[in-house]
Amino acid sequence: MERIIDHPILGPQKTPGKMVSFTFNGKVLTGRQGEPIAAALLAGGIRILRRHEESGSPRGLYCAIGHCMECRLDVEGKGPVRSCLTPLEAGMRISEGRRLPNEITGRKRP
């Protein structure tokens, strides 16, 4: 698990949350309670968060401050969320952001 615990500009990490388990696409991972989901996934080696709606190309964390929607994921019970802004909770069941339906036909894109 890769984490920055003493940042050269921001300084040492404040008191970290306790380690909790969660799942991403069915894989059990651990992260620090309260940290952004995106941070927990990055620390767990996950770089692909979803696929582009039309091309299917892999998408990952982009702005990390909530302005874009590139880090959008599905959290069971919460629906689609921006993973850079959503705090990790114990037991979360998270999956890749769903591809949006085609607005003309109403069917999911391939």
PDB file of N, CA and C in Angstrom:
ATOM      1  N   MET A   1       0.849  -1.165   0.000  1.00  0.00           N
ATOM      2  CA  MET A   1       0.000   0.000   0.000  1.00  0.00           C
ATOM      3  C   MET A   1       0.901   1.236   0.000  1.00  0.00           C
ATOM      4  N   GLU A   2       0.816   2.026  -1.036  1.00  0.00           N
ATOM      5  CA  GLU A   2       1.649   3.225  -1.178  1.00  0.00           C
ATOM      6  C   GLU A   2       0.907   4.443  -0.635  1.00  0.00           C
ATOM      7  N   ARG A   3       1.526   5.140   0.301  1.00  0.00           N
ATOM      8  CA  ARG A   3       0.935   6.351   0.862  1.00  0.00           C
ATOM      9  C   ARG A   3       2.031   7.371   1.135  1.00  0.00           C
ATOM     10  N   ILE A   4       1.681   8.622   1.012  1.00  0.00           N
ATOM     11  CA  ILE A   4       2.605   9.692   1.384  1.00  0.00           C
ATOM     12  C   ILE A   4       2.306  10.034   2.834  1.00  0.00           C
ATOM     13  N   ILE A   5       3.260   9.803   3.710  1.00  0.00           N
ATOM     14  CA  ILE A   5       3.025  10.093   5.127  1.00  0.00           C
ATOM     15  C   ILE A   5       3.750  11.361   5.580  1.00  0.00           C
ATOM     16  N   ASP A   6       4.707  11.830   4.776  1.00  0.00           N
ATOM     17  CA  ASP A   6       5.403  13.076   5.087  1.00  0.00           C
ATOM     18  C   ASP A   6       5.654  13.817   3.775  1.00  0.00           C
ATOM     19  N   HIS A   7       4.721  14.688   3.413  1.00  0.00           N
ATOM     20  CA  HIS A   7       4.762  15.418   2.147  1.00  0.00           C
ATOM     21  C   HIS A   7       5.780  16.568   2.248  1.00  0.00           C
ATOM     22  N   PRO A   8       6.602  16.782   1.210  1.00  0.00           N
ATOM     23  CA  PRO A   8       7.615  17.831   1.278  1.00  0.00           C
ATOM     24  C   PRO A   8       7.052  19.247   1.436  1.00  0.00           C
ATOM     25  N   ILE A   9       5.819  19.483   1.017  1.00  0.00           N
ATOM     26  CA  ILE A   9       5.218  20.812   1.137  1.00  0.00           C
ATOM     27  C   ILE A   9       4.154  20.846   2.236  1.00  0.00           C
ATOM     28  N   LEU A  10       3.303  19.828   2.276  1.00  0.00           N
ATOM     29  CA  LEU A  10       2.202  19.800   3.234  1.00  0.00           C
ATOM     30  C   LEU A  10       2.620  19.330   4.627  1.00  0.00           C
ATOM     31  N   GLY A  11       3.788  18.714   4.714  1.00  0.00           N
ATOM     32  CA  GLY A  11       4.281  18.235   6.002  1.00  0.00           C
ATOM     33  C   GLY A  11       3.791  16.832   6.322  1.00  0.00           C
ATOM     34  N   PRO A  12       3.988  16.407   7.566  1.00  0.00           N
ATOM     35  CA  PRO A  12       3.579  15.060   7.950  1.00  0.00           C
ATOM     36  C   PRO A  12       2.064  14.914   7.970  1.00  0.00           C
ATOM     37  N   GLN A  13       1.630  13.688   7.700  1.00  0.00           N
ATOM     38  CA  GLN A  13       0.205  13.392   7.690  1.00  0.00           C
ATOM     39  C   GLN A  13      -0.366  13.574   9.091  1.00  0.00           C
ATOM     40  N   LYS A  14      -1.534  14.198   9.164  1.00  0.00           N
ATOM     41  CA  LYS A  14      -2.218  14.357  10.445  1.00  0.00           C
ATOM     42  C   LYS A  14      -2.655  12.969  10.916  1.00  0.00           C
ATOM     43  N   THR A  15      -3.262  12.873  12.054  1.00  0.00           N
ATOM     44  CA  THR A  15      -3.683  11.590  12.600  1.00  0.00           C
ATOM     45  C   THR A  15      -4.548  10.856  11.575  1.00  0.00           C
ATOM     46  N   PRO A  16      -4.045   9.723  11.059  1.00  0.00           N
ATOM     47  CA  PRO A  16      -4.802   8.994  10.044  1.00  0.00           C
ATOM     48  C   PRO A  16      -5.980   8.232  10.652  1.00  0.00           C
ATOM     49  N   GLY A  17      -6.998   8.020   9.839  1.00  0.00           N
ATOM     50  CA  GLY A  17      -8.143   7.225  10.273  1.00  0.00           C
ATOM     51  C   GLY A  17      -7.746   5.770  10.416  1.00  0.00           C
ATOM     52  N   LYS A  18      -8.598   5.002  11.098  1.00  0.00           N
ATOM     53  CA  LYS A  18      -8.297   3.582  11.265  1.00  0.00           C
ATOM     54  C   LYS A  18      -8.462   2.860   9.933  1.00  0.00           C
ATOM     55  N   MET A  19      -7.774   1.746   9.787  1.00  0.00           N
ATOM     56  CA  MET A  19      -7.863   0.950   8.563  1.00  0.00           C
ATOM     57  C   MET A  19      -9.197   0.211   8.534  1.00  0.00           C
ATOM     58  N   VAL A  20      -9.889   0.288   7.383  1.00  0.00           N
ATOM     59  CA  VAL A  20     -11.172  -0.391   7.195  1.00  0.00           C
ATOM     60  C   VAL A  20     -11.145  -1.158   5.880  1.00  0.00           C
ATOM     61  N   SER A  21     -12.002  -2.155   5.775  1.00  0.00           N
ATOM     62  CA  SER A  21     -12.129  -2.940   4.545  1.00  0.00           C
ATOM     63  C   SER A  21     -13.266  -2.397   3.698  1.00  0.00           C
ATOM     64  N   PHE A  22     -13.098  -2.508   2.385  1.00  0.00           N
ATOM     65  CA  PHE A  22     -14.144  -2.153   1.425  1.00  0.00           C
ATOM     66  C   PHE A  22     -13.913  -3.004   0.189  1.00  0.00           C
ATOM     67  N   THR A  23     -14.859  -3.003  -0.739  1.00  0.00           N
ATOM     68  CA  THR A  23     -14.652  -3.752  -1.984  1.00  0.00           C
ATOM     69  C   THR A  23     -14.734  -2.812  -3.175  1.00  0.00           C
ATOM     70  N   PHE A  24     -13.932  -3.118  -4.180  1.00  0.00           N
ATOM     71  CA  PHE A  24     -13.983  -2.413  -5.460  1.00  0.00           C
ATOM     72  C   PHE A  24     -14.058  -3.472  -6.543  1.00  0.00           C
ATOM     73  N   ASN A  25     -15.136  -3.461  -7.303  1.00  0.00           N
ATOM     74  CA  ASN A  25     -15.381  -4.466  -8.342  1.00  0.00           C
ATOM     75  C   ASN A  25     -15.225  -5.880  -7.780  1.00  0.00           C
ATOM     76  N   GLY A  26     -15.688  -6.070  -6.544  1.00  0.00           N
ATOM     77  CA  GLY A  26     -15.654  -7.377  -5.905  1.00  0.00           C
ATOM     78  C   GLY A  26     -14.344  -7.736  -5.219  1.00  0.00           C
ATOM     79  N   LYS A  27     -13.313  -6.934  -5.385  1.00  0.00           N
ATOM     80  CA  LYS A  27     -12.014  -7.202  -4.762  1.00  0.00           C
ATOM     81  C   LYS A  27     -11.957  -6.503  -3.396  1.00  0.00           C
ATOM     82  N   VAL A  28     -11.577  -7.249  -2.364  1.00  0.00           N
ATOM     83  CA  VAL A  28     -11.482  -6.680  -1.015  1.00  0.00           C
ATOM     84  C   VAL A  28     -10.178  -5.886  -0.892  1.00  0.00           C
ATOM     85  N   LEU A  29     -10.311  -4.638  -0.442  1.00  0.00           N
ATOM     86  CA  LEU A  29      -9.173  -3.745  -0.242  1.00  0.00           C
ATOM     87  C   LEU A  29      -9.283  -3.119   1.141  1.00  0.00           C
ATOM     88  N   THR A  30      -8.236  -2.433   1.561  1.00  0.00           N
ATOM     89  CA  THR A  30      -8.291  -1.674   2.808  1.00  0.00           C
ATOM     90  C   THR A  30      -7.867  -0.237   2.537  1.00  0.00           C
ATOM     91  N   GLY A  31      -8.395   0.638   3.359  1.00  0.00           N
ATOM     92  CA  GLY A  31      -8.047   2.050   3.267  1.00  0.00           C
ATOM     93  C   GLY A  31      -8.280   2.696   4.612  1.00  0.00           C
ATOM     94  N   ARG A  32      -7.963   3.960   4.711  1.00  0.00           N
ATOM     95  CA  ARG A  32      -8.149   4.678   5.964  1.00  0.00           C
ATOM     96  C   ARG A  32      -9.543   5.314   5.995  1.00  0.00           C
ATOM     97  N   GLN A  33     -10.281   5.018   7.035  1.00  0.00           N
ATOM     98  CA  GLN A  33     -11.621   5.571   7.175  1.00  0.00           C
ATOM     99  C   GLN A  33     -11.566   7.084   7.075  1.00  0.00           C
ATOM    100  N   GLY A  34     -12.439   7.658   6.256  1.00  0.00           N
ATOM    101  CA  GLY A  34     -12.524   9.107   6.106  1.00  0.00           C
ATOM    102  C   GLY A  34     -11.688   9.684   4.983  1.00  0.00           C
ATOM    103  N   GLU A  35     -10.706   8.913   4.479  1.00  0.00           N
ATOM    104  CA  GLU A  35      -9.935   9.439   3.359  1.00  0.00           C
ATOM    105  C   GLU A  35     -10.791   9.350   2.094  1.00  0.00           C
ATOM    106  N   PRO A  36     -10.510  10.162   1.081  1.00  0.00           N
ATOM    107  CA  PRO A  36     -11.281  10.054  -0.161  1.00  0.00           C
ATOM    108  C   PRO A  36     -11.155   8.644  -0.754  1.00  0.00           C
ATOM    109  N   ILE A  37     -12.248   8.146  -1.307  1.00  0.00           N
ATOM    110  CA  ILE A  37     -12.232   6.823  -1.940  1.00  0.00           C
ATOM    111  C   ILE A  37     -11.095   6.750  -2.957  1.00  0.00           C
ATOM    112  N   ALA A  38     -10.911   7.804  -3.736  1.00  0.00           N
ATOM    113  CA  ALA A  38      -9.861   7.812  -4.760  1.00  0.00           C
ATOM    114  C   ALA A  38      -8.490   7.571  -4.143  1.00  0.00           C
ATOM    115  N   ALA A  39      -8.211   8.157  -2.988  1.00  0.00           N
ATOM    116  CA  ALA A  39      -6.920   7.978  -2.319  1.00  0.00           C
ATOM    117  C   ALA A  39      -6.743   6.528  -1.883  1.00  0.00           C
ATOM    118  N   ALA A  40      -7.799   5.923  -1.351  1.00  0.00           N
ATOM    119  CA  ALA A  40      -7.727   4.528  -0.919  1.00  0.00           C
ATOM    120  C   ALA A  40      -7.475   3.606  -2.117  1.00  0.00           C
ATOM    121  N   LEU A  41      -8.128   3.896  -3.232  1.00  0.00           N
ATOM    122  CA  LEU A  41      -7.930   3.073  -4.433  1.00  0.00           C
ATOM    123  C   LEU A  41      -6.518   3.234  -4.981  1.00  0.00           C
ATOM    124  N   LEU A  42      -6.030   4.461  -5.041  1.00  0.00           N
ATOM    125  CA  LEU A  42      -4.662   4.683  -5.514  1.00  0.00           C
ATOM    126  C   LEU A  42      -3.651   3.966  -4.619  1.00  0.00           C
ATOM    127  N   ALA A  43      -3.847   4.051  -3.297  1.00  0.00           N
ATOM    128  CA  ALA A  43      -2.939   3.380  -2.367  1.00  0.00           C
ATOM    129  C   ALA A  43      -2.996   1.861  -2.542  1.00  0.00           C
ATOM    130  N   GLY A  44      -4.136   1.354  -3.000  1.00  0.00           N
ATOM    131  CA  GLY A  44      -4.304  -0.079  -3.237  1.00  0.00           C
ATOM    132  C   GLY A  44      -3.889  -0.519  -4.627  1.00  0.00           C
ATOM    133  N   GLY A  45      -3.307   0.404  -5.402  1.00  0.00           N
ATOM    134  CA  GLY A  45      -2.817   0.058  -6.731  1.00  0.00           C
ATOM    135  C   GLY A  45      -3.847   0.138  -7.844  1.00  0.00           C
ATOM    136  N   ILE A  46      -5.036   0.659  -7.560  1.00  0.00           N
ATOM    137  CA  ILE A  46      -6.096   0.786  -8.565  1.00  0.00           C
ATOM    138  C   ILE A  46      -5.925   2.118  -9.287  1.00  0.00           C
ATOM    139  N   ARG A  47      -5.777   2.064 -10.598  1.00  0.00           N
ATOM    140  CA  ARG A  47      -5.605   3.288 -11.388  1.00  0.00           C
ATOM    141  C   ARG A  47      -6.782   3.543 -12.327  1.00  0.00           C
ATOM    142  N   ILE A  48      -7.458   2.492 -12.759  1.00  0.00           N
ATOM    143  CA  ILE A  48      -8.607   2.645 -13.657  1.00  0.00           C
ATOM    144  C   ILE A  48      -9.871   2.659 -12.816  1.00  0.00           C
ATOM    145  N   LEU A  49     -10.596   3.776 -12.864  1.00  0.00           N
ATOM    146  CA  LEU A  49     -11.797   3.936 -12.065  1.00  0.00           C
ATOM    147  C   LEU A  49     -13.072   3.669 -12.854  1.00  0.00           C
ATOM    148  N   ARG A  50     -13.039   3.930 -14.146  1.00  0.00           N
ATOM    149  CA  ARG A  50     -14.215   3.712 -14.994  1.00  0.00           C
ATOM    150  C   ARG A  50     -13.762   3.687 -16.433  1.00  0.00           C
ATOM    151  N   ARG A  51     -14.701   3.539 -17.352  1.00  0.00           N
ATOM    152  CA  ARG A  51     -14.428   3.546 -18.787  1.00  0.00           C
ATOM    153  C   ARG A  51     -15.199   4.686 -19.446  1.00  0.00           C
ATOM    154  N   HIS A  52     -14.596   5.276 -20.467  1.00  0.00           N
ATOM    155  CA  HIS A  52     -15.242   6.361 -21.208  1.00  0.00           C
ATOM    156  C   HIS A  52     -16.561   5.873 -21.788  1.00  0.00           C
ATOM    157  N   GLU A  53     -17.571   6.729 -21.752  1.00  0.00           N
ATOM    158  CA  GLU A  53     -18.921   6.349 -22.173  1.00  0.00           C
ATOM    159  C   GLU A  53     -19.006   5.869 -23.612  1.00  0.00           C
ATOM    160  N   GLU A  54     -18.260   6.468 -24.508  1.00  0.00           N
ATOM    161  CA  GLU A  54     -18.368   6.096 -25.917  1.00  0.00           C
ATOM    162  C   GLU A  54     -17.254   5.167 -26.371  1.00  0.00           C
ATOM    163  N   SER A  55     -16.021   5.501 -26.045  1.00  0.00           N
ATOM    164  CA  SER A  55     -14.896   4.723 -26.563  1.00  0.00           C
ATOM    165  C   SER A  55     -14.545   3.517 -25.697  1.00  0.00           C
ATOM    166  N   GLY A  56     -14.923   3.556 -24.425  1.00  0.00           N
ATOM    167  CA  GLY A  56     -14.560   2.475 -23.519  1.00  0.00           C
ATOM    168  C   GLY A  56     -13.131   2.573 -23.003  1.00  0.00           C
ATOM    169  N   SER A  57     -12.436   3.663 -23.329  1.00  0.00           N
ATOM    170  CA  SER A  57     -11.051   3.811 -22.880  1.00  0.00           C
ATOM    171  C   SER A  57     -11.010   4.012 -21.360  1.00  0.00           C
ATOM    172  N   PRO A  58      -9.918   3.551 -20.719  1.00  0.00           N
ATOM    173  CA  PRO A  58      -9.835   3.665 -19.262  1.00  0.00           C
ATOM    174  C   PRO A  58      -9.725   5.110 -18.797  1.00  0.00           C
ATOM    175  N   ARG A  59     -10.376   5.391 -17.677  1.00  0.00           N
ATOM    176  CA  ARG A  59     -10.354   6.733 -17.082  1.00  0.00           C
ATOM    177  C   ARG A  59      -9.890   6.593 -15.640  1.00  0.00           C
ATOM    178  N   GLY A  60      -9.189   7.596 -15.149  1.00  0.00           N
ATOM    179  CA  GLY A  60      -8.697   7.575 -13.776  1.00  0.00           C
ATOM    180  C   GLY A  60      -8.895   8.916 -13.121  1.00  0.00           C
ATOM    181  N   LEU A  61      -8.194   9.129 -12.044  1.00  0.00           N
ATOM    182  CA  LEU A  61      -8.269  10.389 -11.322  1.00  0.00           C
ATOM    183  C   LEU A  61      -7.674  11.494 -12.199  1.00  0.00           C
ATOM    184  N   TYR A  62      -8.349  12.629 -12.295  1.00  0.00           N
ATOM    185  CA  TYR A  62      -7.866  13.712 -13.151  1.00  0.00           C
ATOM    186  C   TYR A  62      -7.618  14.973 -12.328  1.00  0.00           C
ATOM    187  N   CYS A  63      -8.665  15.670 -11.920  1.00  0.00           N
ATOM    188  CA  CYS A  63      -8.447  16.941 -11.224  1.00  0.00           C
ATOM    189  C   CYS A  63      -8.248  16.758  -9.721  1.00  0.00           C
ATOM    190  N   ALA A  64      -8.862  15.761  -9.140  1.00  0.00           N
ATOM    191  CA  ALA A  64      -8.764  15.432  -7.710  1.00  0.00           C
ATOM    192  C   ALA A  64      -9.312  16.517  -6.779  1.00  0.00           C
ATOM    193  N   ILE A  65     -10.122  17.432  -7.311  1.00  0.00           N
ATOM    194  CA  ILE A  65     -10.715  18.469  -6.460  1.00  0.00           C
ATOM    195  C   ILE A  65     -12.221  18.635  -6.701  1.00  0.00           C
ATOM    196  N   GLY A  66     -12.826  17.697  -7.408  1.00  0.00           N
ATOM    197  CA  GLY A  66     -14.273  17.705  -7.576  1.00  0.00           C
ATOM    198  C   GLY A  66     -14.832  18.510  -8.725  1.00  0.00           C
ATOM    199  N   HIS A  67     -13.976  19.053  -9.586  1.00  0.00           N
ATOM    200  CA  HIS A  67     -14.480  19.856 -10.704  1.00  0.00           C
ATOM    201  C   HIS A  67     -14.898  19.014 -11.903  1.00  0.00           C
ATOM    202  N   CYS A  68     -14.192  17.940 -12.164  1.00  0.00           N
ATOM    203  CA  CYS A  68     -14.535  17.095 -13.308  1.00  0.00           C
ATOM    204  C   CYS A  68     -15.331  15.883 -12.814  1.00  0.00           C
ATOM    205  N   MET A  69     -15.659  14.993 -13.689  1.00  0.00           N
ATOM    206  CA  MET A  69     -16.393  13.785 -13.312  1.00  0.00           C
ATOM    207  C   MET A  69     -15.603  12.524 -13.654  1.00  0.00           C
ATOM    208  N   GLU A  70     -14.313  12.663 -13.910  1.00  0.00           N
ATOM    209  CA  GLU A  70     -13.507  11.514 -14.338  1.00  0.00           C
ATOM    210  C   GLU A  70     -13.416  10.431 -13.270  1.00  0.00           C
ATOM    211  N   CYS A  71     -13.504  10.768 -12.006  1.00  0.00           N
ATOM    212  CA  CYS A  71     -13.345   9.782 -10.931  1.00  0.00           C
ATOM    213  C   CYS A  71     -14.675   9.211 -10.454  1.00  0.00           C
ATOM    214  N   ARG A  72     -15.724   9.389 -11.235  1.00  0.00           N
ATOM    215  CA  ARG A  72     -17.060   8.943 -10.867  1.00  0.00           C
ATOM    216  C   ARG A  72     -17.100   7.422 -10.685  1.00  0.00           C
ATOM    217  N   LEU A  73     -17.636   6.988  -9.547  1.00  0.00           N
ATOM    218  CA  LEU A  73     -17.793   5.569  -9.230  1.00  0.00           C
ATOM    219  C   LEU A  73     -19.193   5.328  -8.699  1.00  0.00           C
ATOM    220  N   ASP A  74     -19.603   4.076  -8.657  1.00  0.00           N
ATOM    221  CA  ASP A  74     -20.887   3.711  -8.069  1.00  0.00           C
ATOM    222  C   ASP A  74     -20.641   3.138  -6.680  1.00  0.00           C
ATOM    223  N   VAL A  75     -21.317   3.705  -5.688  1.00  0.00           N
ATOM    224  CA  VAL A  75     -21.235   3.204  -4.317  1.00  0.00           C
ATOM    225  C   VAL A  75     -22.611   2.672  -3.961  1.00  0.00           C
ATOM    226  N   GLU A  76     -22.645   1.403  -3.563  1.00  0.00           N
ATOM    227  CA  GLU A  76     -23.920   0.784  -3.218  1.00  0.00           C
ATOM    228  C   GLU A  76     -24.622   1.604  -2.137  1.00  0.00           C
ATOM    229  N   GLY A  77     -25.885   1.942  -2.400  1.00  0.00           N
ATOM    230  CA  GLY A  77     -26.668   2.730  -1.457  1.00  0.00           C
ATOM    231  C   GLY A  77     -26.533   4.231  -1.629  1.00  0.00           C
ATOM    232  N   LYS A  78     -25.550   4.675  -2.422  1.00  0.00           N
ATOM    233  CA  LYS A  78     -25.343   6.114  -2.636  1.00  0.00           C
ATOM    234  C   LYS A  78     -25.460   6.496  -4.107  1.00  0.00           C
ATOM    235  N   GLY A  79     -25.312   5.527  -4.999  1.00  0.00           N
ATOM    236  CA  GLY A  79     -25.344   5.810  -6.427  1.00  0.00           C
ATOM    237  C   GLY A  79     -24.011   6.335  -6.917  1.00  0.00           C
ATOM    238  N   PRO A  80     -24.026   7.087  -8.026  1.00  0.00           N
ATOM    239  CA  PRO A  80     -22.760   7.612  -8.564  1.00  0.00           C
ATOM    240  C   PRO A  80     -22.216   8.729  -7.681  1.00  0.00           C
ATOM    241  N   VAL A  81     -20.921   8.667  -7.395  1.00  0.00           N
ATOM    242  CA  VAL A  81     -20.260   9.686  -6.572  1.00  0.00           C
ATOM    243  C   VAL A  81     -18.934  10.078  -7.212  1.00  0.00           C
ATOM    244  N   ARG A  82     -18.430  11.241  -6.845  1.00  0.00           N
ATOM    245  CA  ARG A  82     -17.072  11.624  -7.222  1.00  0.00           C
ATOM    246  C   ARG A  82     -16.154  11.045  -6.146  1.00  0.00           C
ATOM    247  N   SER A  83     -15.292  10.131  -6.558  1.00  0.00           N
ATOM    248  CA  SER A  83     -14.468   9.422  -5.574  1.00  0.00           C
ATOM    249  C   SER A  83     -13.429  10.316  -4.912  1.00  0.00           C
ATOM    250  N   CYS A  84     -13.098  11.444  -5.524  1.00  0.00           N
ATOM    251  CA  CYS A  84     -12.113  12.340  -4.905  1.00  0.00           C
ATOM    252  C   CYS A  84     -12.713  13.131  -3.755  1.00  0.00           C
ATOM    253  N   LEU A  85     -14.043  13.198  -3.675  1.00  0.00           N
ATOM    254  CA  LEU A  85     -14.715  13.976  -2.630  1.00  0.00           C
ATOM    255  C   LEU A  85     -15.440  13.116  -1.606  1.00  0.00           C
ATOM    256  N   THR A  86     -15.636  11.837  -1.894  1.00  0.00           N
ATOM    257  CA  THR A  86     -16.448  10.973  -1.040  1.00  0.00           C
ATOM    258  C   THR A  86     -15.576  10.228  -0.040  1.00  0.00           C
ATOM    259  N   PRO A  87     -15.828  10.423   1.267  1.00  0.00           N
ATOM    260  CA  PRO A  87     -15.024   9.748   2.289  1.00  0.00           C
ATOM    261  C   PRO A  87     -15.275   8.243   2.312  1.00  0.00           C
ATOM    262  N   LEU A  88     -14.216   7.489   2.518  1.00  0.00           N
ATOM    263  CA  LEU A  88     -14.299   6.042   2.630  1.00  0.00           C
ATOM    264  C   LEU A  88     -14.930   5.657   3.955  1.00  0.00           C
ATOM    265  N   GLU A  89     -15.829   4.679   3.899  1.00  0.00           N
ATOM    266  CA  GLU A  89     -16.469   4.137   5.090  1.00  0.00           C
ATOM    267  C   GLU A  89     -16.261   2.629   5.106  1.00  0.00           C
ATOM    268  N   ALA A  90     -16.212   2.049   6.276  1.00  0.00           N
ATOM    269  CA  ALA A  90     -16.052   0.599   6.416  1.00  0.00           C
ATOM    270  C   ALA A  90     -17.179  -0.123   5.689  1.00  0.00           C
ATOM    271  N   GLY A  91     -16.823  -1.175   4.952  1.00  0.00           N
ATOM    272  CA  GLY A  91     -17.816  -2.015   4.296  1.00  0.00           C
ATOM    273  C   GLY A  91     -18.387  -1.486   2.991  1.00  0.00           C
ATOM    274  N   MET A  92     -17.910  -0.346   2.512  1.00  0.00           N
ATOM    275  CA  MET A  92     -18.437   0.200   1.254  1.00  0.00           C
ATOM    276  C   MET A  92     -18.261  -0.815   0.132  1.00  0.00           C
ATOM    277  N   ARG A  93     -19.286  -0.911  -0.702  1.00  0.00           N
ATOM    278  CA  ARG A  93     -19.214  -1.743  -1.900  1.00  0.00           C
ATOM    279  C   ARG A  93     -19.211  -0.797  -3.087  1.00  0.00           C
ATOM    280  N   ILE A  94     -18.064  -0.725  -3.734  1.00  0.00           N
ATOM    281  CA  ILE A  94     -17.818   0.263  -4.783  1.00  0.00           C
ATOM    282  C   ILE A  94     -17.565  -0.471  -6.090  1.00  0.00           C
ATOM    283  N   SER A  95     -18.069   0.083  -7.184  1.00  0.00           N
ATOM    284  CA  SER A  95     -17.803  -0.511  -8.494  1.00  0.00           C
ATOM    285  C   SER A  95     -17.500   0.584  -9.501  1.00  0.00           C
ATOM    286  N   GLU A  96     -16.886   0.168 -10.612  1.00  0.00           N
ATOM    287  CA  GLU A  96     -16.576   1.107 -11.693  1.00  0.00           C
ATOM    288  C   GLU A  96     -17.796   1.919 -12.047  1.00  0.00           C
ATOM    289  N   GLY A  97     -17.577   3.171 -12.399  1.00  0.00           N
ATOM    290  CA  GLY A  97     -18.685   4.007 -12.846  1.00  0.00           C
ATOM    291  C   GLY A  97     -19.356   3.370 -14.055  1.00  0.00           C
ATOM    292  N   ARG A  98     -20.667   3.310 -14.011  1.00  0.00           N
ATOM    293  CA  ARG A  98     -21.418   2.714 -15.117  1.00  0.00           C
ATOM    294  C   ARG A  98     -21.366   3.579 -16.358  1.00  0.00           C
ATOM    295  N   ARG A  99     -21.346   2.922 -17.491  1.00  0.00           N
ATOM    296  CA  ARG A  99     -21.431   3.667 -18.739  1.00  0.00           C
ATOM    297  C   ARG A  99     -22.849   4.169 -18.886  1.00  0.00           C
ATOM    298  N   LEU A 100     -22.985   5.395 -19.319  1.00  0.00           N
ATOM    299  CA  LEU A 100     -24.303   5.993 -19.451  1.00  0.00           C
ATOM    300  C   LEU A 100     -25.037   5.436 -20.662  1.00  0.00           C
ATOM    301  N   PRO A 101     -26.379   5.375 -20.605  1.00  0.00           N
ATOM    302  CA  PRO A 101     -27.116   4.888 -21.767  1.00  0.00           C
ATOM    303  C   PRO A 101     -27.003   5.866 -22.939  1.00  0.00           C
ATOM    304  N   ASN A 102     -27.141   5.320 -24.134  1.00  0.00           N
ATOM    305  CA  ASN A 102     -27.147   6.145 -25.333  1.00  0.00           C
ATOM    306  C   ASN A 102     -28.422   6.973 -25.314  1.00  0.00           C
ATOM    307  N   GLU A 103     -28.286   8.294 -25.404  1.00  0.00           N
ATOM    308  CA  GLU A 103     -29.458   9.152 -25.283  1.00  0.00           C
ATOM    309  C   GLU A 103     -30.477   8.984 -26.422  1.00  0.00           C
ATOM    310  N   ILE A 104     -30.059   8.464 -27.555  1.00  0.00           N
ATOM    311  CA  ILE A 104     -30.982   8.303 -28.686  1.00  0.00           C
ATOM    312  C   ILE A 104     -31.767   7.000 -28.568  1.00  0.00           C
ATOM    313  N   THR A 105     -31.075   5.885 -28.325  1.00  0.00           N
ATOM    314  CA  THR A 105     -31.749   4.597 -28.294  1.00  0.00           C
ATOM    315  C   THR A 105     -32.161   4.158 -26.907  1.00  0.00           C
ATOM    316  N   GLY A 106     -31.539   4.750 -25.864  1.00  0.00           N
ATOM    317  CA  GLY A 106     -31.837   4.350 -24.504  1.00  0.00           C
ATOM    318  C   GLY A 106     -31.079   3.086 -24.085  1.00  0.00           C
ATOM    319  N   ARG A 107     -30.317   2.482 -25.026  1.00  0.00           N
ATOM    320  CA  ARG A 107     -29.554   1.268 -24.714  1.00  0.00           C
ATOM    321  C   ARG A 107     -28.173   1.669 -24.234  1.00  0.00           C
ATOM    322  N   LYS A 108     -27.572   0.782 -23.442  1.00  0.00           N
ATOM    323  CA  LYS A 108     -26.200   1.022 -23.017  1.00  0.00           C
ATOM    324  C   LYS A 108     -25.276   0.889 -24.212  1.00  0.00           C
ATOM    325  N   ARG A 109     -24.268   1.716 -24.228  1.00  0.00           N
ATOM    326  CA  ARG A 109     -23.282   1.633 -25.289  1.00  0.00           C
ATOM    327  C   ARG A 109     -22.437   0.393 -25.102  1.00  0.00           C
ATOM    328  N   PRO A 110     -21.920  -0.154 -26.206  1.00  0.00           N
ATOM    329  CA  PRO A 110     -21.087  -1.367 -26.075  1.00  0.00           C
ATOM    330  C   PRO A 110     -19.803  -1.087 -25.328  1.00  0.00           C
TER     331      PRO A 110
END
